[in-house]
Every structure is written in structure tokens, then in C-alpha cells.
Protein backbone atom coordinates (compact mmCIF):
# COMPACT_ATOMS: atom_id res chain seq x y z
CA UNK A 1 -53.26 19.66 -18.46
CA UNK A 2 -50.68 18.45 -16.02
CA UNK A 3 -47.97 21.07 -14.51
CA UNK A 4 -44.58 20.27 -15.17
CA UNK A 5 -42.22 19.38 -11.97
CA UNK A 6 -39.56 22.23 -10.95
CA UNK A 7 -36.34 21.91 -12.28
CA UNK A 8 -34.06 21.40 -9.39
CA UNK A 9 -30.32 22.51 -9.97
CA UNK A 10 -28.00 20.82 -7.81
CA UNK A 11 -24.52 22.80 -7.22
CA UNK A 12 -21.40 20.88 -6.79
CA UNK A 13 -19.64 21.24 -3.57
CA UNK A 14 -16.38 23.27 -3.70
CA UNK A 15 -13.61 20.97 -4.83
CA UNK A 16 -10.17 21.43 -3.10
CA UNK A 17 -7.03 20.89 -4.24
CA UNK A 18 -4.84 18.09 -3.20
CA UNK A 19 -1.50 20.16 -3.07
CA UNK A 20 -2.67 23.51 -1.81
CA UNK A 21 -5.46 24.91 0.58
CA UNK A 22 -7.32 26.84 -2.08
CA UNK A 23 -10.40 25.95 -4.39
CA UNK A 24 -9.56 24.09 -7.41
CA UNK A 25 -11.87 26.94 -9.17
CA UNK A 26 -9.52 29.29 -8.17
CA UNK A 27 -6.57 28.12 -9.75
CA UNK A 28 -5.19 29.87 -12.73
CA UNK A 29 -3.60 28.17 -15.75
CA UNK A 30 0.04 28.33 -13.70
CA UNK A 31 -1.60 26.81 -10.52
CA UNK A 32 -3.29 24.25 -12.43
CA UNK A 33 -0.16 23.13 -14.08
CA UNK A 34 1.84 23.24 -10.95
CA UNK A 35 -0.60 21.48 -8.56
CA UNK A 36 -1.19 18.67 -11.37
CA UNK A 37 2.30 18.17 -11.86
CA UNK A 38 2.92 18.11 -8.03
CA UNK A 39 0.38 15.31 -7.84
CA UNK A 40 1.48 13.25 -11.19
CA UNK A 41 4.99 13.23 -9.85
CA UNK A 42 4.26 12.75 -6.00
CA UNK A 43 6.19 15.56 -4.90
CA UNK A 44 6.15 17.01 -1.58
CA UNK A 45 6.37 20.97 -2.27
CA UNK A 46 4.49 23.72 -0.77
CA UNK A 47 1.78 25.84 -2.55
CA UNK A 48 3.11 27.82 -5.61
CA UNK A 49 1.95 31.00 -3.96
CA UNK A 50 4.08 30.75 -0.91
């Protein structure tokens, strides 16, 4: 009986935010909303935690 090939798990690289220096995964709901609105409206504003 042939052996099954091992499962290879590929971990996504850290996705950084286009607005602030934080990884996207670390945003809370307010940070997600703030950074998403900043990109959508093409605003030039700093990180919400500044």
C-alpha cells in the first residue's frame, strides 16, 4: 500500500497595512475601520494610535 504524501502547510506572510506600520492581523475593529476608510478616501492621515 503506497504511503500518503505529507501535508504541506504554507503560512501567509505578514500582511502590513497601507496606512500604518502595524500588521493587518493586529488591527482591532476600530483600526480596521479607520485604515480602510483612510485608503478608500485617499486621505493623508497618520495612524489612529498616534
